[in-house]
Amino acid sequence: MDWQAFLLDQWHVKIVAITLIWAAWIDGRELRVPNWITFPMVLTGLLYNTIDGGVSGLGMGLLGMVTGLLCLLPLYSVGGMGAGDVKLMAGMGAWLGWQITLSAFVVSVFVGAFMAVVMVIRKRAFEKHSTNFLMILNEWIAVKNPAKLSQIAAERKPTMMLLPYGIPICIGSIGYFLYAGLI
């Protein structure tokens, strides 16, 4: 195998994959994805696309960034996710554009759901968490104010089993990259 060719082919996707691994590792240990990873990821992604494609490249990076934000912002706004996870998706979008980001997000949702179910089964807390899930769903239907939903979620957070969502983002995204032949 020609390692130089392997490393240089789709190198930007590999940079994103390495950053996702790093963020997932930190999120797994600290339950947060720090700004010192996410902000440079967004800025370098926009810079890369601007250098690579000029104004249209910048537009592609901005559209990807907004797509990444919009994928997780609704959950963040009601307290269901940390801001670092949202910014991590925005960084991926800034580098890879809206289509790859959206596809990777969809796979990440399935990975996250699977991980959540496994966590609940391992803790033998199915009844508690299924009741919590139904209560949260009911709140989303009944309470129309995102600020109130966020306050309710913040009050409930100490009693909840937390999933460091950087891990499903990493696994789902890299899985999608491999499936799509990007790495």
Protein backbone atom coordinates (compact mmCIF):
# COMPACT_ATOMS: atom_id res chain seq x y z
CA MET A 1 0.00 0.00 0.00
CA ASP A 2 1.24 3.49 -0.86
CA TRP A 3 0.87 5.24 2.52
CA GLN A 4 1.60 8.69 1.18
CA ALA A 5 -1.20 8.39 -1.37
CA PHE A 6 -3.52 6.98 1.31
CA LEU A 7 -2.80 9.85 3.71
CA LEU A 8 -3.14 12.56 1.07
CA ASP A 9 -6.30 11.21 -0.58
CA GLN A 10 -9.30 12.86 1.11
CA TRP A 11 -6.93 14.21 3.79
CA HIS A 12 -9.53 16.71 4.97
CA VAL A 13 -11.94 13.89 5.85
CA LYS A 14 -9.17 12.17 7.81
CA ILE A 15 -8.49 15.41 9.72
CA VAL A 16 -12.18 15.58 10.64
CA ALA A 17 -12.15 11.90 11.68
CA ILE A 18 -9.12 12.41 13.92
CA THR A 19 -10.75 15.48 15.48
CA LEU A 20 -13.96 13.52 16.09
CA ILE A 21 -11.99 10.74 17.81
CA TRP A 22 -10.21 13.26 20.00
CA ALA A 23 -13.47 15.03 20.89
CA ALA A 24 -15.22 11.72 21.64
CA TRP A 25 -12.39 10.65 23.94
CA ILE A 26 -12.62 13.91 25.90
CA ASP A 27 -16.43 13.80 25.96
CA GLY A 28 -16.32 10.24 27.30
CA ARG A 29 -14.04 11.33 30.15
CA GLU A 30 -15.41 14.78 30.95
CA LEU A 31 -18.96 14.83 29.53
CA ARG A 32 -18.13 17.87 27.43
CA VAL A 33 -16.57 18.78 24.11
CA PRO A 34 -14.33 21.79 24.75
CA ASN A 35 -14.33 25.01 22.73
CA TRP A 36 -10.60 24.67 22.06
CA ILE A 37 -11.53 21.78 19.75
CA THR A 38 -14.79 23.03 18.24
CA PHE A 39 -13.99 26.67 17.44
CA PRO A 40 -10.72 25.94 15.61
CA MET A 41 -12.50 23.10 13.79
CA VAL A 42 -15.16 25.49 12.51
CA LEU A 43 -12.70 28.23 11.58
CA THR A 44 -10.20 25.94 9.83
CA GLY A 45 -13.02 24.21 7.96
CA LEU A 46 -14.26 27.55 6.64
CA LEU A 47 -10.70 28.58 5.79
CA TYR A 48 -10.01 25.27 4.00
CA ASN A 49 -13.15 25.58 1.88
CA THR A 50 -12.43 29.23 1.08
CA ILE A 51 -8.88 28.43 -0.06
CA ASP A 52 -10.11 25.36 -1.98
CA GLY A 53 -13.13 26.95 -3.65
CA GLY A 54 -13.09 30.71 -3.19
CA VAL A 55 -16.36 32.41 -2.39
CA SER A 56 -18.41 29.38 -3.44
CA GLY A 57 -16.21 27.21 -1.20
CA LEU A 58 -16.85 29.56 1.70
CA GLY A 59 -20.57 29.33 0.94
CA MET A 60 -20.37 25.53 0.98
CA GLY A 61 -18.55 25.63 4.33
CA LEU A 62 -21.07 28.07 5.82
CA LEU A 63 -24.00 25.98 4.59
CA GLY A 64 -22.40 22.87 6.08
CA MET A 65 -21.77 24.68 9.36
CA VAL A 66 -25.39 25.83 9.57
CA THR A 67 -26.56 22.30 8.73
CA GLY A 68 -24.43 20.92 11.56
CA LEU A 69 -25.86 23.50 13.94
CA LEU A 70 -29.44 22.84 12.90
CA CYS A 71 -29.06 19.07 13.33
CA LEU A 72 -28.59 19.33 17.10
CA LEU A 73 -29.66 22.87 18.03
CA PRO A 74 -33.29 21.91 18.72
CA LEU A 75 -32.19 19.31 21.29
CA TYR A 76 -29.71 21.72 22.82
CA SER A 77 -32.34 24.46 23.10
CA VAL A 78 -34.50 22.29 25.34
CA GLY A 79 -31.61 21.03 27.48
CA GLY A 80 -31.25 17.63 25.84
CA MET A 81 -27.68 18.05 24.66
CA GLY A 82 -24.53 20.01 25.37
CA ALA A 83 -23.38 22.98 23.29
CA GLY A 84 -20.08 21.24 22.51
CA ASP A 85 -21.88 18.48 20.62
CA VAL A 86 -23.71 21.09 18.54
CA LYS A 87 -20.46 22.93 17.76
CA LEU A 88 -18.76 19.64 16.89
CA MET A 89 -21.40 18.98 14.21
CA ALA A 90 -20.99 22.57 13.00
CA GLY A 91 -17.24 21.99 12.68
CA MET A 92 -17.80 18.85 10.65
CA GLY A 93 -20.17 20.79 8.43
CA ALA A 94 -17.67 23.61 7.95
CA TRP A 95 -15.13 21.09 6.66
CA LEU A 96 -17.30 18.63 4.73
CA GLY A 97 -20.43 20.47 3.59
CA TRP A 98 -24.09 19.97 4.24
CA GLN A 99 -24.70 16.64 2.47
CA ILE A 100 -21.98 14.65 4.23
CA THR A 101 -22.83 16.31 7.56
CA LEU A 102 -26.53 15.50 7.26
CA SER A 103 -25.82 11.89 6.28
CA ALA A 104 -23.32 11.46 9.11
CA PHE A 105 -25.83 12.98 11.53
CA VAL A 106 -28.52 10.47 10.53
CA VAL A 107 -26.15 7.56 11.16
CA SER A 108 -25.09 9.17 14.47
CA VAL A 109 -28.71 9.31 15.62
CA PHE A 110 -29.02 5.54 15.20
CA VAL A 111 -25.68 4.96 16.96
CA GLY A 112 -26.77 7.24 19.81
CA ALA A 113 -30.12 5.50 20.17
CA PHE A 114 -28.42 2.11 20.24
CA MET A 115 -25.91 3.29 22.83
CA ALA A 116 -28.68 4.75 25.00
CA VAL A 117 -30.62 1.47 24.93
CA VAL A 118 -27.48 -0.50 25.81
CA MET A 119 -26.76 1.88 28.71
CA VAL A 120 -30.30 1.46 30.05
CA ILE A 121 -30.17 -2.33 29.73
CA ARG A 122 -26.75 -2.51 31.43
CA LYS A 123 -28.04 -0.41 34.34
CA ARG A 124 -31.25 -2.46 34.45
CA ALA A 125 -33.21 0.77 34.51
CA PHE A 126 -35.62 0.26 31.63
CA GLU A 127 -38.76 1.14 33.58
CA LYS A 128 -37.26 4.33 35.04
CA HIS A 129 -35.92 5.56 31.71
CA SER A 130 -38.94 4.59 29.64
CA THR A 131 -41.09 6.54 32.13
CA ASN A 132 -38.66 9.49 31.87
CA PHE A 133 -38.74 9.28 28.07
CA LEU A 134 -42.55 9.40 28.03
CA MET A 135 -42.54 12.29 30.51
CA ILE A 136 -40.06 14.25 28.38
CA LEU A 137 -42.07 13.54 25.24
CA ASN A 138 -45.20 14.76 26.98
CA GLU A 139 -43.39 17.92 28.12
CA TRP A 140 -42.27 18.64 24.54
CA ILE A 141 -45.87 18.34 23.39
CA ALA A 142 -47.43 20.31 26.26
CA VAL A 143 -44.81 22.98 27.01
CA LYS A 144 -44.34 25.28 24.04
CA ASN A 145 -41.68 27.53 25.59
CA PRO A 146 -38.11 26.29 24.86
CA ALA A 147 -36.74 28.25 27.84
CA LYS A 148 -39.17 26.46 30.17
CA LEU A 149 -38.26 23.09 28.62
CA SER A 150 -34.59 23.88 29.16
CA GLN A 151 -35.25 24.80 32.81
CA ILE A 152 -37.18 21.55 33.38
CA ALA A 153 -34.36 19.55 31.74
CA ALA A 154 -31.72 21.30 33.89
CA GLU A 155 -33.66 20.38 37.04
CA ARG A 156 -33.95 16.76 35.93
CA LYS A 157 -30.33 16.42 34.71
CA PRO A 158 -28.78 15.26 38.04
CA THR A 159 -31.12 12.25 38.08
CA MET A 160 -30.56 11.24 34.46
CA MET A 161 -28.05 8.85 32.93
CA LEU A 162 -26.04 11.04 30.55
CA LEU A 163 -24.79 9.93 27.15
CA PRO A 164 -21.65 11.77 25.99
CA TYR A 165 -23.02 12.41 22.50
CA GLY A 166 -19.59 13.15 21.03
CA ILE A 167 -19.10 9.37 21.01
CA PRO A 168 -22.10 8.55 18.78
CA ILE A 169 -21.21 11.52 16.57
CA CYS A 170 -17.71 10.07 16.16
CA ILE A 171 -18.77 6.46 15.58
CA GLY A 172 -21.68 7.34 13.30
CA SER A 173 -19.72 9.86 11.26
CA ILE A 174 -16.64 7.71 10.76
CA GLY A 175 -18.92 4.77 9.96
CA TYR A 176 -20.60 6.90 7.31
CA PHE A 177 -17.22 8.08 5.95
CA LEU A 178 -16.14 4.46 5.54
CA TYR A 179 -19.47 3.44 3.97
CA ALA A 180 -19.32 6.36 1.52
CA GLY A 181 -15.70 5.58 0.58
CA LEU A 182 -14.43 8.89 1.92
CA ILE A 183 -11.66 7.24 3.95
